[in-house]
Amino acid sequence: MIVFDFCGVLGEWPTPADRAGLERLAGRAGEEFWADYWCHRPPYDIGALTDEEYWARVAPAASVSALVEADTAAWVRLRPEALTLVDQLPGPKAILSNAPARLAHAIDTAPWAGRFAHRVFSADVGVAKPHARAYRALCERLGTAPDEIVFVDDRLENVVAAEAEGLRAVHFTDFPTLKTALRTVLR
């Protein structure tokens, strides 16, 4: 089975306009805002912080609902070439992504989500990549051995961690390179 990370592989990274919109809604901008955004993201991604708790730490004077909506929209945008590649690949596919509950729900209910037999998110399993338990939870959910999975991620530390757990892994840089790497790995 081929398992894709979402953000940074299937999904686009937030654009400068997305980031500016979040800063505007947060009433904060620049390095300090983004330091708080990323500092508190790991516990948010695994469900240890609610939307309200996370955004109270990042933008305490702002509207939580507006920030959640804008943040989710910034991360859920699918790369145009992603589904073309997915549709060309044999066998079932899955997603393993670090995502807070609202983003996980948005991905899980997207019109294209049915192309993926399984969708596993950090908020659902309580652990995020690159922790070894994330890959073990994936194998458990898929009901398969690690060596039967080809995992694709844009973050090298996640690829290395997946390989340490016995998964075959590919470091994503772009779609042409990924196609070549998958042909080799899937032989």
N, C-alpha and C. Protein backbone atom coordinates (compact mmCIF):
# COMPACT_ATOMS: atom_id res chain seq x y z
N MET A 1 0.85 -1.18 0.00
CA MET A 1 0.00 0.00 0.00
C MET A 1 0.90 1.24 0.00
N ILE A 2 0.50 2.24 -0.73
CA ILE A 2 1.22 3.50 -0.76
C ILE A 2 0.50 4.47 0.18
N VAL A 3 1.26 5.05 1.10
CA VAL A 3 0.71 5.97 2.09
C VAL A 3 1.39 7.33 1.91
N PHE A 4 0.56 8.35 1.75
CA PHE A 4 1.05 9.70 1.53
C PHE A 4 0.86 10.58 2.76
N ASP A 5 1.85 11.41 3.03
CA ASP A 5 1.64 12.55 3.92
C ASP A 5 0.71 13.50 3.17
N PHE A 6 -0.05 14.31 3.88
CA PHE A 6 -0.89 15.26 3.17
C PHE A 6 -0.18 16.60 2.99
N CYS A 7 0.03 17.33 4.06
CA CYS A 7 0.57 18.69 3.96
C CYS A 7 2.02 18.65 3.48
N GLY A 8 2.25 19.25 2.34
CA GLY A 8 3.59 19.27 1.76
C GLY A 8 3.80 18.21 0.69
N VAL A 9 2.89 17.26 0.57
CA VAL A 9 2.97 16.24 -0.49
C VAL A 9 1.71 16.35 -1.34
N LEU A 10 0.61 15.82 -0.86
CA LEU A 10 -0.66 15.93 -1.61
C LEU A 10 -1.23 17.35 -1.54
N GLY A 11 -1.05 17.98 -0.40
CA GLY A 11 -1.57 19.32 -0.19
C GLY A 11 -0.48 20.37 -0.30
N GLU A 12 -0.88 21.52 -0.73
CA GLU A 12 0.05 22.64 -0.86
C GLU A 12 0.34 23.25 0.52
N TRP A 13 1.49 23.88 0.63
CA TRP A 13 1.80 24.66 1.83
C TRP A 13 0.99 25.95 1.76
N PRO A 14 0.65 26.54 2.89
CA PRO A 14 -0.05 27.82 2.87
C PRO A 14 0.72 28.87 2.06
N THR A 15 -0.03 29.66 1.33
CA THR A 15 0.56 30.69 0.48
C THR A 15 0.89 31.93 1.33
N PRO A 16 1.66 32.86 0.75
CA PRO A 16 1.89 34.13 1.46
C PRO A 16 0.57 34.84 1.80
N ALA A 17 -0.42 34.75 0.91
CA ALA A 17 -1.73 35.36 1.19
C ALA A 17 -2.41 34.67 2.37
N ASP A 18 -2.29 33.34 2.44
CA ASP A 18 -2.85 32.60 3.58
C ASP A 18 -2.20 33.06 4.88
N ARG A 19 -0.88 33.15 4.86
CA ARG A 19 -0.13 33.55 6.06
C ARG A 19 -0.49 34.99 6.48
N ALA A 20 -0.60 35.87 5.49
CA ALA A 20 -0.98 37.25 5.80
C ALA A 20 -2.39 37.31 6.38
N GLY A 21 -3.29 36.49 5.85
CA GLY A 21 -4.65 36.44 6.37
C GLY A 21 -4.70 35.96 7.81
N LEU A 22 -3.90 34.95 8.13
CA LEU A 22 -3.84 34.47 9.52
C LEU A 22 -3.28 35.55 10.44
N GLU A 23 -2.24 36.23 9.99
CA GLU A 23 -1.67 37.31 10.80
C GLU A 23 -2.70 38.40 11.06
N ARG A 24 -3.46 38.76 10.03
CA ARG A 24 -4.47 39.80 10.15
C ARG A 24 -5.55 39.37 11.16
N LEU A 25 -6.03 38.13 11.02
CA LEU A 25 -7.05 37.63 11.94
C LEU A 25 -6.53 37.52 13.37
N ALA A 26 -5.26 37.17 13.50
CA ALA A 26 -4.65 37.00 14.82
C ALA A 26 -4.36 38.35 15.48
N GLY A 27 -4.28 39.40 14.67
CA GLY A 27 -3.90 40.70 15.21
C GLY A 27 -2.43 40.73 15.60
N ARG A 28 -1.66 39.82 15.03
CA ARG A 28 -0.22 39.71 15.29
C ARG A 28 0.46 39.37 13.98
N ALA A 29 1.69 39.77 13.84
CA ALA A 29 2.40 39.48 12.60
C ALA A 29 3.87 39.20 12.88
N GLY A 30 4.50 38.64 11.89
CA GLY A 30 5.94 38.48 11.94
C GLY A 30 6.43 37.28 12.72
N GLU A 31 7.69 37.34 13.01
CA GLU A 31 8.43 36.22 13.60
C GLU A 31 7.84 35.74 14.93
N GLU A 32 7.42 36.66 15.77
CA GLU A 32 6.88 36.28 17.08
C GLU A 32 5.59 35.46 16.93
N PHE A 33 4.70 35.91 16.03
CA PHE A 33 3.47 35.16 15.78
C PHE A 33 3.78 33.75 15.30
N TRP A 34 4.66 33.63 14.30
CA TRP A 34 4.95 32.32 13.73
C TRP A 34 5.72 31.43 14.69
N ALA A 35 6.53 32.01 15.56
CA ALA A 35 7.21 31.21 16.60
C ALA A 35 6.17 30.57 17.52
N ASP A 36 5.17 31.35 17.94
CA ASP A 36 4.10 30.80 18.79
C ASP A 36 3.26 29.78 18.02
N TYR A 37 2.95 30.10 16.77
CA TYR A 37 2.15 29.20 15.93
C TYR A 37 2.80 27.82 15.88
N TRP A 38 4.10 27.76 15.60
CA TRP A 38 4.79 26.46 15.46
C TRP A 38 5.14 25.84 16.80
N CYS A 39 5.42 26.64 17.78
CA CYS A 39 5.77 26.12 19.11
C CYS A 39 4.62 25.30 19.71
N HIS A 40 3.40 25.78 19.53
CA HIS A 40 2.24 25.11 20.12
C HIS A 40 1.55 24.13 19.16
N ARG A 41 2.04 24.03 17.95
CA ARG A 41 1.40 23.18 16.95
C ARG A 41 1.49 21.68 17.28
N PRO A 42 2.63 21.17 17.75
CA PRO A 42 2.67 19.71 18.02
C PRO A 42 1.58 19.22 18.98
N PRO A 43 1.35 19.86 20.13
CA PRO A 43 0.26 19.35 20.96
C PRO A 43 -1.12 19.56 20.34
N TYR A 44 -1.27 20.58 19.53
CA TYR A 44 -2.53 20.81 18.82
C TYR A 44 -2.76 19.71 17.79
N ASP A 45 -1.71 19.36 17.07
CA ASP A 45 -1.82 18.31 16.05
C ASP A 45 -2.21 16.96 16.62
N ILE A 46 -1.83 16.67 17.86
CA ILE A 46 -2.16 15.35 18.43
C ILE A 46 -3.44 15.38 19.27
N GLY A 47 -4.10 16.52 19.31
CA GLY A 47 -5.36 16.60 20.06
C GLY A 47 -5.19 16.89 21.53
N ALA A 48 -3.97 17.24 21.97
CA ALA A 48 -3.75 17.57 23.37
C ALA A 48 -4.22 18.98 23.70
N LEU A 49 -4.40 19.82 22.68
CA LEU A 49 -4.96 21.16 22.84
C LEU A 49 -6.21 21.27 21.97
N THR A 50 -7.26 21.85 22.52
CA THR A 50 -8.45 22.14 21.71
C THR A 50 -8.16 23.35 20.83
N ASP A 51 -9.07 23.63 19.91
CA ASP A 51 -8.94 24.85 19.09
C ASP A 51 -8.79 26.07 20.00
N GLU A 52 -9.64 26.16 21.00
CA GLU A 52 -9.63 27.31 21.89
C GLU A 52 -8.32 27.43 22.65
N GLU A 53 -7.81 26.31 23.13
CA GLU A 53 -6.55 26.33 23.89
C GLU A 53 -5.37 26.72 23.00
N TYR A 54 -5.34 26.15 21.81
CA TYR A 54 -4.24 26.46 20.90
C TYR A 54 -4.23 27.94 20.53
N TRP A 55 -5.37 28.42 20.05
CA TRP A 55 -5.40 29.81 19.58
C TRP A 55 -5.30 30.80 20.73
N ALA A 56 -5.68 30.44 21.95
CA ALA A 56 -5.46 31.32 23.11
C ALA A 56 -3.97 31.52 23.36
N ARG A 57 -3.17 30.54 23.01
CA ARG A 57 -1.71 30.65 23.18
C ARG A 57 -1.07 31.42 22.02
N VAL A 58 -1.68 31.34 20.86
CA VAL A 58 -1.09 31.93 19.66
C VAL A 58 -1.63 33.34 19.40
N ALA A 59 -2.93 33.52 19.58
CA ALA A 59 -3.58 34.81 19.29
C ALA A 59 -4.69 35.04 20.30
N PRO A 60 -4.35 35.37 21.54
CA PRO A 60 -5.34 35.39 22.62
C PRO A 60 -6.50 36.36 22.45
N ALA A 61 -6.34 37.41 21.67
CA ALA A 61 -7.41 38.40 21.55
C ALA A 61 -8.24 38.22 20.28
N ALA A 62 -8.02 37.14 19.55
CA ALA A 62 -8.66 36.98 18.25
C ALA A 62 -9.83 36.00 18.30
N SER A 63 -10.61 35.99 17.22
CA SER A 63 -11.75 35.09 17.08
C SER A 63 -11.25 33.68 16.74
N VAL A 64 -11.50 32.75 17.62
CA VAL A 64 -11.07 31.36 17.42
C VAL A 64 -11.70 30.77 16.18
N SER A 65 -13.00 30.96 16.00
CA SER A 65 -13.67 30.34 14.86
C SER A 65 -13.11 30.86 13.54
N ALA A 66 -12.83 32.15 13.45
CA ALA A 66 -12.27 32.71 12.21
C ALA A 66 -10.87 32.16 11.96
N LEU A 67 -10.08 32.06 13.02
CA LEU A 67 -8.72 31.53 12.87
C LEU A 67 -8.73 30.05 12.47
N VAL A 68 -9.60 29.26 13.07
CA VAL A 68 -9.68 27.84 12.73
C VAL A 68 -10.09 27.68 11.27
N GLU A 69 -11.07 28.46 10.85
CA GLU A 69 -11.53 28.38 9.47
C GLU A 69 -10.41 28.77 8.49
N ALA A 70 -9.72 29.86 8.78
CA ALA A 70 -8.65 30.31 7.88
C ALA A 70 -7.47 29.35 7.89
N ASP A 71 -7.12 28.85 9.05
CA ASP A 71 -5.99 27.92 9.17
C ASP A 71 -6.29 26.62 8.42
N THR A 72 -7.49 26.10 8.60
CA THR A 72 -7.88 24.88 7.91
C THR A 72 -7.87 25.09 6.40
N ALA A 73 -8.44 26.18 5.94
CA ALA A 73 -8.46 26.48 4.50
C ALA A 73 -7.05 26.61 3.93
N ALA A 74 -6.14 27.14 4.73
CA ALA A 74 -4.75 27.32 4.27
C ALA A 74 -4.04 25.99 4.07
N TRP A 75 -4.41 24.98 4.85
CA TRP A 75 -3.70 23.70 4.80
C TRP A 75 -4.39 22.64 3.95
N VAL A 76 -5.63 22.80 3.59
CA VAL A 76 -6.39 21.72 2.95
C VAL A 76 -6.36 21.78 1.42
N ARG A 77 -5.70 22.76 0.87
CA ARG A 77 -5.67 22.94 -0.59
C ARG A 77 -4.83 21.84 -1.24
N LEU A 78 -5.47 21.10 -2.13
CA LEU A 78 -4.83 19.96 -2.82
C LEU A 78 -3.97 20.46 -3.99
N ARG A 79 -2.80 19.86 -4.16
CA ARG A 79 -1.97 20.17 -5.33
C ARG A 79 -2.66 19.61 -6.57
N PRO A 80 -2.70 20.37 -7.66
CA PRO A 80 -3.41 19.89 -8.85
C PRO A 80 -2.89 18.56 -9.38
N GLU A 81 -1.60 18.33 -9.34
CA GLU A 81 -1.03 17.10 -9.90
C GLU A 81 -1.14 15.90 -8.96
N ALA A 82 -1.56 16.12 -7.73
CA ALA A 82 -1.60 15.04 -6.74
C ALA A 82 -2.55 13.92 -7.14
N LEU A 83 -3.79 14.27 -7.47
CA LEU A 83 -4.76 13.23 -7.79
C LEU A 83 -4.44 12.52 -9.10
N THR A 84 -3.83 13.22 -10.03
CA THR A 84 -3.41 12.57 -11.28
C THR A 84 -2.46 11.44 -10.95
N LEU A 85 -1.47 11.71 -10.12
CA LEU A 85 -0.51 10.67 -9.74
C LEU A 85 -1.21 9.56 -8.96
N VAL A 86 -2.01 9.92 -7.97
CA VAL A 86 -2.69 8.91 -7.15
C VAL A 86 -3.53 7.99 -8.03
N ASP A 87 -4.23 8.55 -8.99
CA ASP A 87 -5.09 7.74 -9.85
C ASP A 87 -4.30 6.83 -10.78
N GLN A 88 -3.04 7.14 -11.04
CA GLN A 88 -2.20 6.31 -11.91
C GLN A 88 -1.54 5.16 -11.16
N LEU A 89 -1.52 5.21 -9.86
CA LEU A 89 -0.82 4.20 -9.07
C LEU A 89 -1.71 2.98 -8.81
N PRO A 90 -1.08 1.81 -8.79
CA PRO A 90 -1.86 0.59 -8.54
C PRO A 90 -2.20 0.42 -7.06
N GLY A 91 -3.23 -0.33 -6.81
CA GLY A 91 -3.58 -0.74 -5.46
C GLY A 91 -4.15 0.37 -4.60
N PRO A 92 -4.49 0.00 -3.37
CA PRO A 92 -5.08 0.97 -2.45
C PRO A 92 -4.03 1.98 -1.97
N LYS A 93 -4.51 3.17 -1.64
CA LYS A 93 -3.68 4.24 -1.13
C LYS A 93 -4.25 4.71 0.20
N ALA A 94 -3.38 5.37 1.00
CA ALA A 94 -3.81 5.88 2.29
C ALA A 94 -3.10 7.21 2.57
N ILE A 95 -3.55 7.87 3.61
CA ILE A 95 -2.94 9.12 4.08
C ILE A 95 -2.54 8.94 5.53
N LEU A 96 -1.34 9.41 5.88
CA LEU A 96 -0.89 9.54 7.27
C LEU A 96 -0.39 10.97 7.41
N SER A 97 -1.09 11.78 8.21
CA SER A 97 -0.74 13.20 8.30
C SER A 97 -0.86 13.72 9.72
N ASN A 98 0.07 14.60 10.07
CA ASN A 98 -0.06 15.35 11.31
C ASN A 98 -1.08 16.46 11.04
N ALA A 99 -2.19 16.40 11.75
CA ALA A 99 -3.26 17.38 11.53
C ALA A 99 -4.15 17.47 12.76
N PRO A 100 -4.47 18.71 13.19
CA PRO A 100 -5.44 18.85 14.27
C PRO A 100 -6.81 18.38 13.80
N ALA A 101 -7.71 18.21 14.72
CA ALA A 101 -9.01 17.59 14.44
C ALA A 101 -9.78 18.26 13.31
N ARG A 102 -9.85 19.58 13.28
CA ARG A 102 -10.64 20.26 12.24
C ARG A 102 -10.03 20.06 10.86
N LEU A 103 -8.71 20.13 10.76
CA LEU A 103 -8.05 19.90 9.48
C LEU A 103 -8.22 18.44 9.06
N ALA A 104 -8.07 17.52 10.00
CA ALA A 104 -8.27 16.10 9.70
C ALA A 104 -9.68 15.88 9.15
N HIS A 105 -10.66 16.50 9.77
CA HIS A 105 -12.05 16.35 9.31
C HIS A 105 -12.21 16.93 7.90
N ALA A 106 -11.60 18.07 7.64
CA ALA A 106 -11.71 18.69 6.31
C ALA A 106 -11.09 17.80 5.24
N ILE A 107 -9.96 17.19 5.54
CA ILE A 107 -9.32 16.28 4.59
C ILE A 107 -10.18 15.02 4.43
N ASP A 108 -10.63 14.50 5.55
CA ASP A 108 -11.40 13.25 5.56
C ASP A 108 -12.72 13.36 4.81
N THR A 109 -13.28 14.54 4.73
CA THR A 109 -14.58 14.72 4.08
C THR A 109 -14.48 15.44 2.73
N ALA A 110 -13.28 15.66 2.25
CA ALA A 110 -13.09 16.31 0.95
C ALA A 110 -13.65 15.41 -0.16
N PRO A 111 -14.09 15.99 -1.28
CA PRO A 111 -14.68 15.20 -2.35
C PRO A 111 -13.76 14.10 -2.91
N TRP A 112 -12.47 14.30 -2.81
CA TRP A 112 -11.49 13.35 -3.34
C TRP A 112 -11.03 12.33 -2.29
N ALA A 113 -11.45 12.45 -1.05
CA ALA A 113 -10.95 11.61 0.04
C ALA A 113 -11.19 10.11 -0.19
N GLY A 114 -12.25 9.77 -0.92
CA GLY A 114 -12.57 8.37 -1.18
C GLY A 114 -11.52 7.64 -1.99
N ARG A 115 -10.61 8.37 -2.61
CA ARG A 115 -9.52 7.72 -3.36
C ARG A 115 -8.54 7.03 -2.41
N PHE A 116 -8.64 7.34 -1.13
CA PHE A 116 -7.73 6.80 -0.13
C PHE A 116 -8.49 5.84 0.78
N ALA A 117 -8.10 4.58 0.74
CA ALA A 117 -8.80 3.55 1.51
C ALA A 117 -8.79 3.84 3.01
N HIS A 118 -7.72 4.46 3.46
CA HIS A 118 -7.57 4.79 4.89
C HIS A 118 -6.99 6.20 5.00
N ARG A 119 -7.43 6.90 6.04
CA ARG A 119 -6.91 8.23 6.32
C ARG A 119 -6.66 8.27 7.83
N VAL A 120 -5.38 8.39 8.19
CA VAL A 120 -4.97 8.33 9.59
C VAL A 120 -4.34 9.68 9.94
N PHE A 121 -4.82 10.28 11.02
CA PHE A 121 -4.37 11.61 11.42
C PHE A 121 -3.85 11.59 12.85
N SER A 122 -2.87 12.44 13.10
CA SER A 122 -2.27 12.53 14.43
C SER A 122 -3.32 12.84 15.51
N ALA A 123 -4.27 13.67 15.20
CA ALA A 123 -5.30 14.01 16.18
C ALA A 123 -6.15 12.80 16.57
N ASP A 124 -6.26 11.84 15.65
CA ASP A 124 -7.06 10.63 15.92
C ASP A 124 -6.29 9.59 16.72
N VAL A 125 -4.97 9.53 16.53
CA VAL A 125 -4.18 8.48 17.18
C VAL A 125 -3.38 9.01 18.36
N GLY A 126 -3.39 10.34 18.57
CA GLY A 126 -2.74 10.93 19.74
C GLY A 126 -1.23 10.97 19.68
N VAL A 127 -0.67 10.82 18.50
CA VAL A 127 0.79 10.88 18.34
C VAL A 127 1.09 11.36 16.93
N ALA A 128 2.17 12.11 16.80
CA ALA A 128 2.52 12.69 15.50
C ALA A 128 3.83 12.11 14.98
N LYS A 129 3.95 12.12 13.66
CA LYS A 129 5.23 11.79 13.03
C LYS A 129 6.24 12.85 13.49
N PRO A 130 7.44 12.52 13.74
CA PRO A 130 8.14 11.29 13.42
C PRO A 130 8.18 10.25 14.55
N HIS A 131 7.33 10.37 15.55
CA HIS A 131 7.34 9.40 16.64
C HIS A 131 7.02 8.00 16.10
N ALA A 132 7.74 7.02 16.58
CA ALA A 132 7.58 5.64 16.11
C ALA A 132 6.14 5.14 16.27
N ARG A 133 5.47 5.57 17.32
CA ARG A 133 4.08 5.12 17.55
C ARG A 133 3.15 5.54 16.42
N ALA A 134 3.46 6.63 15.72
CA ALA A 134 2.61 7.06 14.61
C ALA A 134 2.62 6.01 13.50
N TYR A 135 3.78 5.45 13.21
CA TYR A 135 3.89 4.45 12.16
C TYR A 135 3.30 3.11 12.61
N ARG A 136 3.44 2.82 13.89
CA ARG A 136 2.82 1.60 14.43
C ARG A 136 1.29 1.71 14.37
N ALA A 137 0.76 2.90 14.70
CA ALA A 137 -0.69 3.12 14.63
C ALA A 137 -1.17 2.98 13.18
N LEU A 138 -0.38 3.47 12.24
CA LEU A 138 -0.73 3.33 10.83
C LEU A 138 -0.82 1.86 10.45
N CYS A 139 0.20 1.08 10.80
CA CYS A 139 0.19 -0.35 10.46
C CYS A 139 -1.00 -1.06 11.09
N GLU A 140 -1.30 -0.70 12.32
CA GLU A 140 -2.45 -1.30 13.01
C GLU A 140 -3.75 -0.96 12.29
N ARG A 141 -3.92 0.31 11.94
CA ARG A 141 -5.14 0.73 11.23
C ARG A 141 -5.27 0.06 9.87
N LEU A 142 -4.13 -0.11 9.18
CA LEU A 142 -4.16 -0.72 7.86
C LEU A 142 -4.24 -2.24 7.94
N GLY A 143 -3.89 -2.80 9.10
CA GLY A 143 -3.87 -4.25 9.25
C GLY A 143 -2.80 -4.89 8.39
N THR A 144 -1.65 -4.23 8.30
CA THR A 144 -0.60 -4.73 7.43
C THR A 144 0.77 -4.59 8.10
N ALA A 145 1.71 -5.36 7.61
CA ALA A 145 3.08 -5.31 8.11
C ALA A 145 3.77 -4.06 7.57
N PRO A 146 4.72 -3.52 8.32
CA PRO A 146 5.42 -2.31 7.88
C PRO A 146 6.06 -2.43 6.50
N ASP A 147 6.64 -3.59 6.20
CA ASP A 147 7.34 -3.73 4.91
C ASP A 147 6.40 -3.81 3.71
N GLU A 148 5.10 -3.83 3.97
CA GLU A 148 4.11 -3.81 2.88
C GLU A 148 3.66 -2.39 2.55
N ILE A 149 4.25 -1.41 3.24
CA ILE A 149 3.86 -0.01 3.07
C ILE A 149 5.00 0.77 2.43
N VAL A 150 4.64 1.59 1.44
CA VAL A 150 5.55 2.59 0.89
C VAL A 150 5.02 3.93 1.38
N PHE A 151 5.82 4.62 2.16
CA PHE A 151 5.41 5.87 2.78
C PHE A 151 6.11 7.04 2.10
N VAL A 152 5.35 8.07 1.76
CA VAL A 152 5.88 9.25 1.06
C VAL A 152 5.67 10.48 1.94
N ASP A 153 6.76 11.20 2.23
CA ASP A 153 6.68 12.40 3.06
C ASP A 153 7.71 13.41 2.59
N ASP A 154 7.40 14.69 2.76
CA ASP A 154 8.32 15.75 2.36
C ASP A 154 9.35 16.07 3.44
N ARG A 155 9.15 15.59 4.64
CA ARG A 155 10.09 15.88 5.73
C ARG A 155 11.00 14.68 5.92
N LEU A 156 12.28 14.92 5.76
CA LEU A 156 13.26 13.84 5.82
C LEU A 156 13.23 13.10 7.16
N GLU A 157 13.02 13.82 8.27
CA GLU A 157 12.99 13.15 9.57
C GLU A 157 11.83 12.15 9.65
N ASN A 158 10.73 12.41 8.95
CA ASN A 158 9.61 11.47 8.93
C ASN A 158 9.93 10.25 8.08
N VAL A 159 10.66 10.46 7.00
CA VAL A 159 11.08 9.35 6.13
C VAL A 159 12.04 8.44 6.90
N VAL A 160 13.01 9.03 7.58
CA VAL A 160 13.99 8.25 8.36
C VAL A 160 13.29 7.47 9.47
N ALA A 161 12.35 8.11 10.16
CA ALA A 161 11.62 7.44 11.24
C ALA A 161 10.77 6.29 10.70
N ALA A 162 10.15 6.49 9.55
CA ALA A 162 9.34 5.42 8.94
C ALA A 162 10.22 4.23 8.59
N GLU A 163 11.37 4.50 8.01
CA GLU A 163 12.30 3.42 7.66
C GLU A 163 12.78 2.68 8.91
N ALA A 164 12.99 3.40 10.00
CA ALA A 164 13.41 2.76 11.25
C ALA A 164 12.35 1.81 11.78
N GLU A 165 11.08 2.05 11.42
CA GLU A 165 9.99 1.17 11.83
C GLU A 165 9.70 0.08 10.80
N GLY A 166 10.52 0.00 9.75
CA GLY A 166 10.38 -1.08 8.78
C GLY A 166 9.58 -0.74 7.54
N LEU A 167 9.08 0.49 7.43
CA LEU A 167 8.35 0.89 6.23
C LEU A 167 9.37 1.21 5.13
N ARG A 168 8.98 0.99 3.89
CA ARG A 168 9.76 1.51 2.78
C ARG A 168 9.33 2.96 2.63
N ALA A 169 10.26 3.86 2.44
CA ALA A 169 9.89 5.28 2.45
C ALA A 169 10.58 6.03 1.32
N VAL A 170 9.89 7.06 0.86
CA VAL A 170 10.37 7.91 -0.22
C VAL A 170 10.29 9.36 0.25
N HIS A 171 11.39 10.08 0.09
CA HIS A 171 11.41 11.50 0.43
C HIS A 171 10.86 12.30 -0.75
N PHE A 172 9.76 12.99 -0.55
CA PHE A 172 9.11 13.77 -1.60
C PHE A 172 9.80 15.11 -1.77
N THR A 173 10.15 15.42 -3.03
CA THR A 173 10.65 16.76 -3.37
C THR A 173 9.79 17.39 -4.45
N ASP A 174 9.36 16.57 -5.41
CA ASP A 174 8.48 17.03 -6.48
C ASP A 174 7.85 15.81 -7.14
N PHE A 175 6.82 16.03 -7.94
CA PHE A 175 6.09 14.90 -8.53
C PHE A 175 6.89 14.12 -9.57
N PRO A 176 7.65 14.74 -10.46
CA PRO A 176 8.44 13.93 -11.41
C PRO A 176 9.43 13.01 -10.70
N THR A 177 10.10 13.51 -9.67
CA THR A 177 11.05 12.69 -8.91
C THR A 177 10.32 11.59 -8.16
N LEU A 178 9.15 11.91 -7.61
CA LEU A 178 8.36 10.90 -6.90
C LEU A 178 7.93 9.77 -7.83
N LYS A 179 7.48 10.10 -9.03
CA LYS A 179 7.07 9.06 -9.99
C LYS A 179 8.21 8.10 -10.26
N THR A 180 9.40 8.63 -10.47
CA THR A 180 10.58 7.79 -10.73
C THR A 180 10.89 6.92 -9.51
N ALA A 181 10.88 7.52 -8.33
CA ALA A 181 11.19 6.77 -7.10
C ALA A 181 10.16 5.68 -6.85
N LEU A 182 8.89 5.95 -7.08
CA LEU A 182 7.86 4.94 -6.86
C LEU A 182 7.98 3.78 -7.85
N ARG A 183 8.34 4.07 -9.08
CA ARG A 183 8.56 2.97 -10.05
C ARG A 183 9.64 2.03 -9.54
N THR A 184 10.69 2.57 -8.96
CA THR A 184 11.79 1.76 -8.42
C THR A 184 11.33 0.98 -7.19
N VAL A 185 10.69 1.65 -6.25
CA VAL A 185 10.28 1.02 -4.99
C VAL A 185 9.19 -0.03 -5.20
N LEU A 186 8.32 0.18 -6.17
CA LEU A 186 7.18 -0.73 -6.36
C LEU A 186 7.52 -1.95 -7.21
N ARG A 187 8.74 -2.06 -7.70
CA ARG A 187 9.12 -3.23 -8.51
C ARG A 187 9.10 -4.49 -7.69
